[in-house]
Structure formats: C-alpha cells, structure tokens
C-alpha atoms as a PDB file:
ATOM      1  CA  MET A   1      -7.704  24.229  49.408  1.00  0.00           C
ATOM      2  CA  SER A   2     -11.039  24.015  47.740  1.00  0.00           C
ATOM      3  CA  THR A   3     -12.039  21.304  45.262  1.00  0.00           C
ATOM      4  CA  VAL A   4     -12.282  23.931  42.615  1.00  0.00           C
ATOM      5  CA  THR A   5      -8.733  25.119  43.155  1.00  0.00           C
ATOM      6  CA  LYS A   6      -7.463  21.474  43.264  1.00  0.00           C
ATOM      7  CA  ARG A   7      -9.290  20.660  39.816  1.00  0.00           C
ATOM      8  CA  MET A   8      -7.974  24.008  38.338  1.00  0.00           C
ATOM      9  CA  ILE A   9      -4.316  23.126  39.333  1.00  0.00           C
ATOM     10  CA  GLY A  10      -4.845  19.614  38.109  1.00  0.00           C
ATOM     11  CA  TRP A  11      -5.898  20.923  34.616  1.00  0.00           C
ATOM     12  CA  ILE A  12      -3.216  23.298  34.311  1.00  0.00           C
ATOM     13  CA  GLY A  13      -0.489  20.752  35.382  1.00  0.00           C
ATOM     14  CA  GLY A  14      -1.910  18.237  32.812  1.00  0.00           C
ATOM     15  CA  PHE A  15      -1.604  20.719  29.947  1.00  0.00           C
ATOM     16  CA  ILE A  16       1.876  21.710  31.142  1.00  0.00           C
ATOM     17  CA  SER A  17       2.803  18.013  31.044  1.00  0.00           C
ATOM     18  CA  ILE A  18       1.497  17.599  27.481  1.00  0.00           C
ATOM     19  CA  ALA A  19       3.392  20.685  26.478  1.00  0.00           C
ATOM     20  CA  LEU A  20       6.695  19.395  27.893  1.00  0.00           C
ATOM     21  CA  MET A  21       6.055  15.908  26.239  1.00  0.00           C
ATOM     22  CA  LEU A  22       5.527  17.750  22.800  1.00  0.00           C
ATOM     23  CA  SER A  23       8.768  19.595  23.294  1.00  0.00           C
ATOM     24  CA  PHE A  24      10.735  16.301  23.670  1.00  0.00           C
ATOM     25  CA  ARG A  25       8.761  14.207  21.099  1.00  0.00           C
ATOM     26  CA  ASP A  26      10.853  15.253  18.078  1.00  0.00           C
ATOM     27  CA  ALA A  27      14.210  14.179  19.687  1.00  0.00           C
ATOM     28  CA  ALA A  28      12.668  10.803  20.609  1.00  0.00           C
ATOM     29  CA  ALA A  29      11.164  10.286  17.169  1.00  0.00           C
ATOM     30  CA  ALA A  30      14.531  10.344  15.642  1.00  0.00           C
ATOM     31  CA  GLU A  31      15.763   7.214  17.509  1.00  0.00           C
ATOM     32  CA  PHE A  32      14.045   4.487  15.398  1.00  0.00           C
ATOM     33  CA  VAL A  33      15.153   1.004  15.908  1.00  0.00           C
ATOM     34  CA  LYS A  34      16.381  -0.349  12.599  1.00  0.00           C
ATOM     35  CA  ASN A  35      16.286  -3.958  11.096  1.00  0.00           C
ATOM     36  CA  ALA A  36      19.423  -5.519   9.479  1.00  0.00           C
ATOM     37  CA  ALA A  37      18.704  -3.602   6.247  1.00  0.00           C
ATOM     38  CA  GLY A  38      19.112  -0.381   7.918  1.00  0.00           C
ATOM     39  CA  PHE A  39      15.210   0.336   7.501  1.00  0.00           C
ATOM     40  CA  PRO A  40      13.586   2.160  10.377  1.00  0.00           C
ATOM     41  CA  ILE A  41      10.820   0.265  12.150  1.00  0.00           C
ATOM     42  CA  HIS A  42       7.757   2.377  12.652  1.00  0.00           C
ATOM     43  CA  ALA A  43       5.804   0.533  15.426  1.00  0.00           C
ATOM     44  CA  PRO A  44       4.076   1.393  18.888  1.00  0.00           C
ATOM     45  CA  ARG A  45       6.568   1.973  21.706  1.00  0.00           C
ATOM     46  CA  PRO A  46       6.015   1.210  25.334  1.00  0.00           C
ATOM     47  CA  TRP A  47       4.536   4.225  27.243  1.00  0.00           C
ATOM     48  CA  GLU A  48       4.073   6.158  24.027  1.00  0.00           C
ATOM     49  CA  TRP A  49       1.772   8.980  24.914  1.00  0.00           C
ATOM     50  CA  TRP A  50       1.279  10.887  21.572  1.00  0.00           C
ATOM     51  CA  PHE A  51       0.761   9.798  17.989  1.00  0.00           C
ATOM     52  CA  GLN A  52       3.496   7.818  16.359  1.00  0.00           C
ATOM     53  CA  PRO A  53       5.897  10.017  14.402  1.00  0.00           C
ATOM     54  CA  PRO A  54       4.198  11.049  11.165  1.00  0.00           C
ATOM     55  CA  SER A  55       5.814   9.524   8.037  1.00  0.00           C
ATOM     56  CA  SER A  56       3.319  10.978   5.391  1.00  0.00           C
ATOM     57  CA  PRO A  57       1.886  14.179   4.361  1.00  0.00           C
ATOM     58  CA  ASN A  58      -1.603  13.187   5.826  1.00  0.00           C
ATOM     59  CA  ALA A  59      -0.100  12.022   9.108  1.00  0.00           C
ATOM     60  CA  LYS A  60       1.969  15.318   9.406  1.00  0.00           C
ATOM     61  CA  ALA A  61      -1.147  17.314   8.696  1.00  0.00           C
ATOM     62  CA  ILE A  62      -3.166  15.422  11.378  1.00  0.00           C
ATOM     63  CA  ASP A  63      -0.267  15.757  13.894  1.00  0.00           C
ATOM     64  CA  TRP A  64       0.031  19.543  13.287  1.00  0.00           C
ATOM     65  CA  MET A  65      -3.694  19.976  13.578  1.00  0.00           C
ATOM     66  CA  MET A  66      -3.876  18.146  16.949  1.00  0.00           C
ATOM     67  CA  GLN A  67      -0.944  20.288  18.197  1.00  0.00           C
ATOM     68  CA  PHE A  68      -2.689  23.449  16.983  1.00  0.00           C
ATOM     69  CA  VAL A  69      -5.967  22.659  18.581  1.00  0.00           C
ATOM     70  CA  LEU A  70      -4.404  21.593  21.642  1.00  0.00           C
ATOM     71  CA  TRP A  71      -2.422  24.925  22.151  1.00  0.00           C
ATOM     72  CA  ILE A  72      -5.694  26.753  21.604  1.00  0.00           C
ATOM     73  CA  MET A  73      -7.247  24.599  24.454  1.00  0.00           C
ATOM     74  CA  PHE A  74      -4.338  25.224  26.736  1.00  0.00           C
ATOM     75  CA  ALA A  75      -4.734  29.047  26.293  1.00  0.00           C
ATOM     76  CA  VAL A  76      -8.539  28.759  26.969  1.00  0.00           C
ATOM     77  CA  VAL A  77      -8.061  26.548  30.003  1.00  0.00           C
ATOM     78  CA  ALA A  78      -5.119  28.816  31.392  1.00  0.00           C
ATOM     79  CA  LEU A  79      -7.356  31.985  30.836  1.00  0.00           C
ATOM     80  CA  VAL A  80     -10.326  30.353  32.504  1.00  0.00           C
ATOM     81  CA  GLY A  81      -7.997  29.107  35.455  1.00  0.00           C
ATOM     82  CA  VAL A  82      -6.585  32.623  35.850  1.00  0.00           C
ATOM     83  CA  LEU A  83     -10.072  34.174  36.000  1.00  0.00           C
ATOM     84  CA  LEU A  84     -11.079  31.667  38.493  1.00  0.00           C
ATOM     85  CA  GLY A  85      -8.252  32.344  40.608  1.00  0.00           C
ATOM     86  CA  ILE A  86      -8.902  36.027  40.478  1.00  0.00           C
ATOM     87  CA  VAL A  87     -12.495  35.654  41.495  1.00  0.00           C
ATOM     88  CA  MET A  88     -11.691  33.288  44.417  1.00  0.00           C
ATOM     89  CA  VAL A  89      -9.106  35.798  45.791  1.00  0.00           C
ATOM     90  CA  ARG A  90     -10.663  39.124  45.046  1.00  0.00           C
ATOM     91  CA  PHE A  91     -14.270  38.176  45.819  1.00  0.00           C
ATOM     92  CA  HIS A  92     -13.945  35.719  48.733  1.00  0.00           C
ATOM     93  CA  ALA A  93     -16.713  35.806  51.269  1.00  0.00           C
ATOM     94  CA  SER A  94     -14.391  37.217  53.906  1.00  0.00           C
ATOM     95  CA  ARG A  95     -13.639  40.267  51.659  1.00  0.00           C
ATOM     96  CA  HIS A  96     -17.110  40.636  50.391  1.00  0.00           C
ATOM     97  CA  PRO A  97     -19.515  39.714  53.193  1.00  0.00           C
ATOM     98  CA  VAL A  98     -22.324  41.409  51.125  1.00  0.00           C
ATOM     99  CA  PRO A  99     -22.334  40.026  47.599  1.00  0.00           C
ATOM    100  CA  THR A 100     -22.585  42.273  44.557  1.00  0.00           C
ATOM    101  CA  THR A 101     -25.881  42.414  42.724  1.00  0.00           C
ATOM    102  CA  THR A 102     -24.363  42.939  39.295  1.00  0.00           C
ATOM    103  CA  THR A 103     -25.958  40.724  36.728  1.00  0.00           C
ATOM    104  CA  HIS A 104     -24.822  41.814  33.332  1.00  0.00           C
ATOM    105  CA  ASN A 105     -21.804  43.349  31.574  1.00  0.00           C
ATOM    106  CA  THR A 106     -22.353  44.210  28.038  1.00  0.00           C
ATOM    107  CA  VAL A 107     -18.610  44.216  27.038  1.00  0.00           C
ATOM    108  CA  ILE A 108     -18.046  40.759  28.770  1.00  0.00           C
ATOM    109  CA  GLU A 109     -21.107  39.209  27.138  1.00  0.00           C
ATOM    110  CA  VAL A 110     -19.895  40.415  23.658  1.00  0.00           C
ATOM    111  CA  LEU A 111     -16.378  39.162  24.296  1.00  0.00           C
ATOM    112  CA  TRP A 112     -17.537  35.674  25.478  1.00  0.00           C
ATOM    113  CA  THR A 113     -19.652  35.488  22.343  1.00  0.00           C
ATOM    114  CA  VAL A 114     -17.350  36.876  19.695  1.00  0.00           C
ATOM    115  CA  VAL A 115     -13.984  35.306  20.962  1.00  0.00           C
ATOM    116  CA  PRO A 116     -15.311  31.598  20.810  1.00  0.00           C
ATOM    117  CA  ALA A 117     -16.725  32.133  17.428  1.00  0.00           C
ATOM    118  CA  LEU A 118     -13.418  33.522  16.154  1.00  0.00           C
ATOM    119  CA  LEU A 119     -11.745  30.573  17.593  1.00  0.00           C
ATOM    120  CA  LEU A 120     -14.032  28.163  15.858  1.00  0.00           C
ATOM    121  CA  ILE A 121     -13.284  29.971  12.516  1.00  0.00           C
ATOM    122  CA  VAL A 122      -9.506  29.629  13.238  1.00  0.00           C
ATOM    123  CA  ILE A 123      -9.974  25.898  13.762  1.00  0.00           C
ATOM    124  CA  PHE A 124     -12.425  25.390  10.803  1.00  0.00           C
ATOM    125  CA  VAL A 125     -10.146  26.778   8.221  1.00  0.00           C
ATOM    126  CA  PRO A 126      -7.156  24.471   8.573  1.00  0.00           C
ATOM    127  CA  SER A 127      -9.434  21.573   9.210  1.00  0.00           C
ATOM    128  CA  LEU A 128     -11.303  22.147   5.946  1.00  0.00           C
ATOM    129  CA  ASN A 129      -8.022  22.311   4.268  1.00  0.00           C
ATOM    130  CA  MET A 130      -6.929  19.039   5.572  1.00  0.00           C
ATOM    131  CA  ILE A 131     -10.165  17.341   4.616  1.00  0.00           C
ATOM    132  CA  TYR A 132      -9.585  18.557   1.114  1.00  0.00           C
ATOM    133  CA  GLN A 133      -6.084  17.386   1.070  1.00  0.00           C
ATOM    134  CA  GLN A 134      -7.060  13.885   2.303  1.00  0.00           C
ATOM    135  CA  SER A 135      -9.757  13.600  -0.422  1.00  0.00           C
ATOM    136  CA  ASN A 136      -7.377  14.528  -3.287  1.00  0.00           C
ATOM    137  CA  TYR A 137      -6.733  11.241  -5.272  1.00  0.00           C
ATOM    138  CA  LYS A 138      -5.089  12.897  -8.306  1.00  0.00           C
ATOM    139  CA  HIS A 139      -1.678  12.069  -9.616  1.00  0.00           C
ATOM    140  CA  ARG A 140      -1.582   8.677  -7.998  1.00  0.00           C
ATOM    141  CA  TYR A 141       1.137   6.138  -8.966  1.00  0.00           C
ATOM    142  CA  MET A 142      -0.756   3.145  -8.177  1.00  0.00           C
ATOM    143  CA  THR A 143      -3.802   1.629  -6.552  1.00  0.00           C
ATOM    144  CA  VAL A 144      -3.900  -1.251  -4.065  1.00  0.00           C
ATOM    145  CA  ARG A 145      -7.290  -2.995  -3.161  1.00  0.00           C
ATOM    146  CA  VAL A 146      -7.390  -3.893   0.454  1.00  0.00           C
ATOM    147  CA  ILE A 147      -9.874  -6.584   1.540  1.00  0.00           C
ATOM    148  CA  GLY A 148     -10.570  -7.421   5.056  1.00  0.00           C
ATOM    149  CA  HIS A 149     -11.422 -10.968   6.017  1.00  0.00           C
ATOM    150  CA  GLN A 150     -12.061 -12.777   9.340  1.00  0.00           C
ATOM    151  CA  TRP A 151      -9.222 -12.667  10.179  1.00  0.00           C
ATOM    152  CA  PHE A 152      -6.602 -11.624   7.728  1.00  0.00           C
ATOM    153  CA  TRP A 153      -5.973  -9.089   5.048  1.00  0.00           C
ATOM    154  CA  GLU A 154      -5.903  -9.448   1.302  1.00  0.00           C
ATOM    155  CA  TYR A 155      -3.833  -7.247  -1.175  1.00  0.00           C
ATOM    156  CA  ASP A 156      -4.750  -6.862  -4.854  1.00  0.00           C
ATOM    157  CA  TYR A 157      -2.347  -4.754  -6.783  1.00  0.00           C
ATOM    158  CA  LEU A 158      -4.513  -3.154  -9.444  1.00  0.00           C
ATOM    159  CA  GLY A 159      -2.569  -2.761 -12.610  1.00  0.00           C
ATOM    160  CA  ALA A 160      -0.243  -5.465 -11.921  1.00  0.00           C
ATOM    161  CA  LYS A 161      -1.994  -8.605 -13.062  1.00  0.00           C
ATOM    162  CA  GLY A 162      -2.186 -11.565 -10.764  1.00  0.00           C
ATOM    163  CA  VAL A 163      -0.285  -9.892  -7.916  1.00  0.00           C
ATOM    164  CA  ASP A 164      -2.812 -10.603  -5.109  1.00  0.00           C
ATOM    165  CA  PHE A 165      -1.924 -12.287  -1.901  1.00  0.00           C
ATOM    166  CA  THR A 166      -3.084 -12.834   1.670  1.00  0.00           C
ATOM    167  CA  SER A 167      -1.350 -11.553   4.776  1.00  0.00           C
ATOM    168  CA  TYR A 168      -1.684 -13.456   8.023  1.00  0.00           C
ATOM    169  CA  VAL A 169      -0.281 -12.701  11.377  1.00  0.00           C
ATOM    170  CA  ILE A 170       2.751 -14.757  12.488  1.00  0.00           C
ATOM    171  CA  PRO A 171       1.768 -17.093  15.412  1.00  0.00           C
ATOM    172  CA  PRO A 172       3.676 -16.250  18.666  1.00  0.00           C
ATOM    173  CA  ASN A 173       5.265 -19.712  18.665  1.00  0.00           C
ATOM    174  CA  GLN A 174       6.738 -19.255  15.104  1.00  0.00           C
ATOM    175  CA  LEU A 175       8.232 -15.815  15.655  1.00  0.00           C
ATOM    176  CA  LYS A 176      11.884 -15.246  14.633  1.00  0.00           C
ATOM    177  CA  PRO A 177      14.326 -12.875  16.092  1.00  0.00           C
ATOM    178  CA  GLY A 178      13.427  -9.210  15.035  1.00  0.00           C
ATOM    179  CA  GLU A 179       9.790 -10.075  14.590  1.00  0.00           C
ATOM    180  CA  ILE A 180       7.196  -8.382  16.569  1.00  0.00           C
ATOM    181  CA  ARG A 181       4.409 -10.195  18.418  1.00  0.00           C
ATOM    182  CA  GLN A 182       0.956  -9.640  17.029  1.00  0.00           C
ATOM    183  CA  LEU A 183       2.246  -7.259  14.402  1.00  0.00           C
ATOM    184  CA  SER A 184       4.604  -9.189  12.054  1.00  0.00           C
ATOM    185  CA  VAL A 185       2.970 -10.913   9.226  1.00  0.00           C
ATOM    186  CA  ASN A 186       3.952 -13.662   6.697  1.00  0.00           C
ATOM    187  CA  HIS A 187       3.428 -11.408   3.621  1.00  0.00           C
ATOM    188  CA  PRO A 188       3.644  -7.755   4.070  1.00  0.00           C
ATOM    189  CA  LEU A 189       2.255  -5.080   1.791  1.00  0.00           C
ATOM    190  CA  VAL A 190       5.093  -3.850  -0.243  1.00  0.00           C
ATOM    191  CA  LEU A 191       4.907  -0.172  -1.585  1.00  0.00           C
ATOM    192  CA  PRO A 192       7.225   2.450  -3.130  1.00  0.00           C
ATOM    193  CA  ALA A 193       8.317   5.213  -0.867  1.00  0.00           C
ATOM    194  CA  GLY A 194       7.828   8.747  -2.140  1.00  0.00           C
ATOM    195  CA  LYS A 195       4.931   7.939  -4.418  1.00  0.00           C
ATOM    196  CA  LYS A 196       1.184   8.397  -3.890  1.00  0.00           C
ATOM    197  CA  VAL A 197      -0.650   5.157  -3.419  1.00  0.00           C
ATOM    198  CA  VAL A 198      -4.510   4.975  -3.206  1.00  0.00           C
ATOM    199  CA  PHE A 199      -6.034   2.100  -1.246  1.00  0.00           C
ATOM    200  CA  GLN A 200      -9.615   0.866  -2.250  1.00  0.00           C
ATOM    201  CA  ILE A 201     -10.770  -0.570   1.071  1.00  0.00           C
ATOM    202  CA  THR A 202     -13.504  -3.161   1.410  1.00  0.00           C
ATOM    203  CA  SER A 203     -14.590  -6.292   3.214  1.00  0.00           C
ATOM    204  CA  LYS A 204     -15.812  -9.857   2.413  1.00  0.00           C
ATOM    205  CA  ASP A 205     -17.712 -10.389   5.667  1.00  0.00           C
ATOM    206  CA  VAL A 206     -17.905  -7.952   8.631  1.00  0.00           C
ATOM    207  CA  ILE A 207     -16.729  -4.357   9.243  1.00  0.00           C
ATOM    208  CA  HIS A 208     -12.922  -4.242   9.641  1.00  0.00           C
ATOM    209  CA  SER A 209     -10.712  -1.034   9.836  1.00  0.00           C
ATOM    210  CA  PHE A 210      -7.503  -0.450   7.923  1.00  0.00           C
ATOM    211  CA  PHE A 211      -5.390   1.527  10.339  1.00  0.00           C
ATOM    212  CA  VAL A 212      -1.702   2.526   9.998  1.00  0.00           C
ATOM    213  CA  PRO A 213      -1.156   5.434  12.523  1.00  0.00           C
ATOM    214  CA  SER A 214       2.284   6.605  11.266  1.00  0.00           C
ATOM    215  CA  LEU A 215       0.951   7.005   7.706  1.00  0.00           C
ATOM    216  CA  GLY A 216      -2.229   8.770   8.831  1.00  0.00           C
ATOM    217  CA  VAL A 217      -4.332   6.032   7.241  1.00  0.00           C
ATOM    218  CA  GLN A 218      -7.663   4.816   8.714  1.00  0.00           C
ATOM    219  CA  ARG A 219     -10.787   3.786   6.747  1.00  0.00           C
ATOM    220  CA  TYR A 220     -13.499   1.136   7.712  1.00  0.00           C
ATOM    221  CA  ALA A 221     -13.595  -1.933   5.447  1.00  0.00           C
ATOM    222  CA  ILE A 222     -17.387  -2.263   4.859  1.00  0.00           C
ATOM    223  CA  PRO A 223     -18.846  -5.339   2.970  1.00  0.00           C
ATOM    224  CA  GLY A 224     -20.275  -4.210  -0.317  1.00  0.00           C
ATOM    225  CA  GLN A 225     -18.677  -0.623  -0.313  1.00  0.00           C
ATOM    226  CA  TYR A 226     -15.328   0.626  -1.405  1.00  0.00           C
ATOM    227  CA  TRP A 227     -13.767   3.332   0.644  1.00  0.00           C
ATOM    228  CA  ARG A 228     -10.649   5.088  -0.459  1.00  0.00           C
ATOM    229  CA  GLN A 229      -7.701   6.742   1.249  1.00  0.00           C
ATOM    230  CA  TRP A 230      -4.170   7.601  -0.012  1.00  0.00           C
ATOM    231  CA  THR A 231      -0.879   7.889   1.480  1.00  0.00           C
ATOM    232  CA  GLN A 232       2.626   8.930   0.412  1.00  0.00           C
ATOM    233  CA  ILE A 233       5.316   7.292   2.524  1.00  0.00           C
ATOM    234  CA  ASP A 234       8.232   9.736   3.217  1.00  0.00           C
ATOM    235  CA  ALA A 235      11.158   7.239   3.336  1.00  0.00           C
ATOM    236  CA  PRO A 236      11.808   3.586   3.243  1.00  0.00           C
ATOM    237  CA  GLY A 237      11.040   1.693   6.240  1.00  0.00           C
ATOM    238  CA  VAL A 238       8.718  -0.857   7.905  1.00  0.00           C
ATOM    239  CA  TYR A 239       5.373   0.489   9.054  1.00  0.00           C
ATOM    240  CA  TYR A 240       2.915  -1.356  11.297  1.00  0.00           C
ATOM    241  CA  GLY A 241      -0.907  -0.969  11.863  1.00  0.00           C
ATOM    242  CA  GLU A 242      -3.867  -3.076  12.770  1.00  0.00           C
ATOM    243  CA  CYS A 243      -7.583  -3.607  12.468  1.00  0.00           C
ATOM    244  CA  ASN A 244      -9.020  -1.405  15.309  1.00  0.00           C
ATOM    245  CA  GLN A 245     -12.551  -2.204  14.673  1.00  0.00           C
ATOM    246  CA  ILE A 246     -13.761  -4.948  16.839  1.00  0.00           C
ATOM    247  CA  CYS A 247     -14.538  -7.497  14.095  1.00  0.00           C
ATOM    248  CA  GLY A 248     -14.922 -10.777  15.967  1.00  0.00           C
ATOM    249  CA  LEU A 249     -13.241 -13.453  18.075  1.00  0.00           C
ATOM    250  CA  ASN A 250      -9.680 -13.223  16.505  1.00  0.00           C
ATOM    251  CA  HIS A 251      -9.881  -9.381  15.925  1.00  0.00           C
ATOM    252  CA  ASP A 252      -6.175  -9.037  17.373  1.00  0.00           C
ATOM    253  CA  ASN A 253      -4.980 -11.333  14.602  1.00  0.00           C
ATOM    254  CA  MET A 254      -5.295  -8.681  11.809  1.00  0.00           C
ATOM    255  CA  PRO A 255      -2.059  -6.670  12.028  1.00  0.00           C
ATOM    256  CA  ILE A 256      -0.784  -4.596   8.995  1.00  0.00           C
ATOM    257  CA  GLU A 257       2.837  -4.558   8.102  1.00  0.00           C
ATOM    258  CA  ILE A 258       3.849  -2.249   5.282  1.00  0.00           C
ATOM    259  CA  VAL A 259       7.292  -2.229   3.758  1.00  0.00           C
ATOM    260  CA  ALA A 260       8.274   0.854   1.853  1.00  0.00           C
ATOM    261  CA  LEU A 261      11.062   0.518  -0.763  1.00  0.00           C
ATOM    262  CA  PRO A 262      13.023   2.953  -2.797  1.00  0.00           C
ATOM    263  CA  MET A 263      11.508   3.176  -6.147  1.00  0.00           C
ATOM    264  CA  LYS A 264      14.120   1.090  -8.070  1.00  0.00           C
ATOM    265  CA  GLN A 265      13.929  -1.692  -5.416  1.00  0.00           C
ATOM    266  CA  PHE A 266      10.237  -1.531  -5.603  1.00  0.00           C
ATOM    267  CA  GLN A 267      10.059  -2.026  -9.401  1.00  0.00           C
ATOM    268  CA  ALA A 268      12.484  -4.823  -9.095  1.00  0.00           C
ATOM    269  CA  TRP A 269      10.166  -6.467  -6.548  1.00  0.00           C
ATOM    270  CA  LEU A 270       7.200  -6.062  -8.681  1.00  0.00           C
ATOM    271  CA  VAL A 271       8.971  -7.732 -11.604  1.00  0.00           C
ATOM    272  CA  GLU A 272       9.524 -10.780  -9.420  1.00  0.00           C
ATOM    273  CA  ALA A 273       6.119 -10.697  -8.019  1.00  0.00           C
ATOM    274  CA  LYS A 274       4.580 -10.674 -11.323  1.00  0.00           C
ATOM    275  CA  LYS A 275       6.648 -13.705 -12.395  1.00  0.00           C
ATOM    276  CA  ASP A 276       5.540 -15.625  -9.048  1.00  0.00           C
ATOM    277  CA  ALA A 277       2.008 -14.829  -9.782  1.00  0.00           C
ATOM    278  CA  ALA A 278       2.110 -15.925 -13.329  1.00  0.00           C
ATOM    279  CA  GLN A 279       3.367 -19.368 -11.978  1.00  0.00           C
ATOM    280  CA  GLY A 280       0.527 -19.628  -9.654  1.00  0.00           C
ATOM    281  CA  ASN A 281       2.933 -18.886  -6.634  1.00  0.00           C
ATOM    282  CA  VAL A 282       2.490 -16.386  -3.834  1.00  0.00           C
ATOM    283  CA  PRO A 283       4.890 -13.313  -4.588  1.00  0.00           C
ATOM    284  CA  LYS A 284       7.864 -13.786  -2.439  1.00  0.00           C
ATOM    285  CA  VAL A 285       7.384 -10.666  -0.555  1.00  0.00           C
ATOM    286  CA  HIS A 286      10.505 -11.040   1.710  1.00  0.00           C
ATOM    287  CA  LYS A 287      12.811 -10.619  -1.006  1.00  0.00           C
ATOM    288  CA  TYR A 288      12.662  -7.100  -0.238  1.00  0.00           C
ATOM    289  CA  GLU A 289      15.385  -7.651   2.443  1.00  0.00           C
ATOM    290  CA  VAL A 290      17.927  -8.359  -0.032  1.00  0.00           C
ATOM    291  CA  LEU A 291      16.932  -5.243  -2.120  1.00  0.00           C
ATOM    292  CA  ALA A 292      16.822  -3.025   0.972  1.00  0.00           C
ATOM    293  CA  GLU A 293      20.257  -4.212   2.064  1.00  0.00           C
ATOM    294  CA  ALA A 294      21.502  -3.035  -1.220  1.00  0.00           C
ATOM    295  CA  ALA A 295      19.814   0.193  -0.825  1.00  0.00           C
ATOM    296  CA  ALA A 296      21.007   0.645   2.593  1.00  0.00           C
ATOM    297  CA  LYS A 297      24.613   0.031   1.440  1.00  0.00           C
ATOM    298  CA  ALA A 298      24.278   2.493  -1.399  1.00  0.00           C
ATOM    299  CA  ALA A 299      23.028   5.056   1.046  1.00  0.00           C
ATOM    300  CA  SER A 300      25.912   4.523   3.428  1.00  0.00           C
ATOM    301  CA  LEU A 301      28.395   5.022   0.612  1.00  0.00           C
ATOM    302  CA  SER A 302      26.756   8.202  -0.479  1.00  0.00           C
ATOM    303  CA  HIS A 303      26.308   9.256   3.204  1.00  0.00           C
ATOM    304  CA  PRO A 304      29.303   8.099   5.126  1.00  0.00           C
ATOM    305  CA  GLY A 305      27.705   8.944   8.382  1.00  0.00           C
ATOM    306  CA  VAL A 306      25.054   6.438   8.127  1.00  0.00           C
ATOM    307  CA  ALA A 307      25.713   3.272   9.982  1.00  0.00           C
ATOM    308  CA  LEU A 308      23.912  -0.019   9.317  1.00  0.00           C
ATOM    309  CA  ALA A 309      22.243  -1.645  12.282  1.00  0.00           C
ATOM    310  CA  SER A 310      23.425  -5.121  13.305  1.00  0.00           C
ATOM    311  CA  ALA A 311      20.062  -6.251  14.615  1.00  0.00           C
ATOM    312  CA  ALA A 312      18.411  -9.342  13.339  1.00  0.00           C
ATOM    313  CA  PRO A 313      16.262  -8.761  10.248  1.00  0.00           C
ATOM    314  CA  ILE A 314      12.473  -8.676  10.498  1.00  0.00           C
ATOM    315  CA  ALA A 315      12.134 -11.748   8.349  1.00  0.00           C
ATOM    316  CA  ALA A 316       9.205 -14.169   8.155  1.00  0.00           C
ATOM    317  CA  SER A 317       8.694 -17.306   6.377  1.00  0.00           C
ATOM    318  CA  GLN A 318       7.353 -17.105   2.755  1.00  0.00           C
END
C-alpha cells in the first residue's frame, strides 16, 4: 500500500471518528454532575474531545458553525479521497504504460474554480451573521466590569454601587469536598440566568484573557483598553473558565467561576451584596447555595421527575 493511500485512509478515518463523536456528544452532554443544590456543573471533563456543551446563544452559534464547516470539510476530503482512489486504480502504470498527454480540461478547471468560491460564500454568510450577533449589545440587563490582575480577577457590578470584589483560586491544600482543583475560587461571579449580561474587560498590568468556553466568552484583557462581550446564560448552574493567555509565572492561578441563579434568587443575592458592600465587607457570594437549594426544591415540586443530587456542595470559604 502506497504512502498516499495510507494518508488518504487516515484522513477519511479521522473524519469518520469525528462524525461518530458528534453523534454521541449530545447524549453525553445531558449527564452533568450536579452539586448539592441541584445545579449542573459545566467544567472540563477527562478525555473531552469537543467543545464543552454550549449554554448560551453565542456558544450554540459557535458550536453550530464549527460543525457546519466540519461537514463541508468532510465532504471535500471525501471527494478528493475518492478521486485519488480512482486515479490510482484506473491510471496505474501497469494499465497505462504510456502516460496521457492531456494537460487541460475546461469543464474541470471551471468546476474547481467555481465550486470552492461557492463554498466560501456558503461559509461566509453564517460567519458574518454570527459576528453580527456577537457584537449586538442592545437590550442588556446589566454590565459587569472584569479586571485582570497578576494573578486574580476583579468583578465590578456597574449599576450596583460598591459591589466590587476580587476572585482568587482556592489553594490545593484548602480545597473542600466538591471543589475542583485550579478551577474553584473563593468568590465566584454571580449572574442571573436568562438575562443578557455585558462584560467590560480590561487589565491592570499585563494581557490576560477572560475565557468561559461553555458560554462562548473569550476576550483579551488589555491594559488601558476596554473590550466588550456579552452572554446570556441559558439555565442556572456553575460555569468554569480560565485565563488562557500566558500572563506570567502564576498564569494557572486565574480560573473563572460563574454561578448563574434564577432571577429572583439573583435579585435576593444582589440586595445582600449591596448591604455587605455598604458596610465595607466583601459580598458573601456563597450565600447562593442556600438560595439555589430553595430554587432546586421549588423545581422538584413543579417537576416531580427532577431528583436533587446528594453530592457535596461546591462551597468555599468566604
């Protein structure tokens, strides 16, 4: 078997593997680990091959676009592979000891110019639509300023006077049951589920990156500049991300933990956070667990099939 044939088989096999992986991905995505409050935990999984299950409109658009382009690539590679196979079989040296002198074919040359151009247009249109969607900041519910530091995050709730706190990674020797190494933080960012939230992202020192894959959020935090991105979290849960820009020695100590609450619970938390801020205290972010438990119980009453998880809560010291 020639090297070309082996490569062709490898390419086709790789694309078939990806196609099979995509077909089983949705079933696996439904099996989220949950904390004691019944909130699904959106975090990286061992041997995860694809994007994390999308949990916002932008993340879903990115996921769809990736699959859309991947299937086009699969079709192109499959076609080229078939053509290579035909050429190797039908025009092998043993069958054609005297090679053909054909150098041009008008129809083929038109096709291999027009078809790729049409494919680019097919890809361009939804790409442009996705860019427009991601740059639409209208009808926002709230704005949160995100400030990167070496090496922690600062969250400032614009419009909620005084609610401004820092978020540090929990050291490995202080982790409690249910917390995740290098992802759990002492003060997570608390947001409402189902509402558009705009992030104003900047940095106080070097370039960082605010990256939450399951929400389709990634923007560089650049000193002296404000970059915006929005998200609208589909459902209550705990969402993890990290700084994925090499920003210094302790770059790995900049995880992001976002807790999305039902609207009523978020408003209750915000009232408490404002009181704490007025007294000069750090808002007790982890009060969300009591609120979340109440929300989960209410959900279980309205949907009897919903069972609350008995795992230890993802709690941290205040």
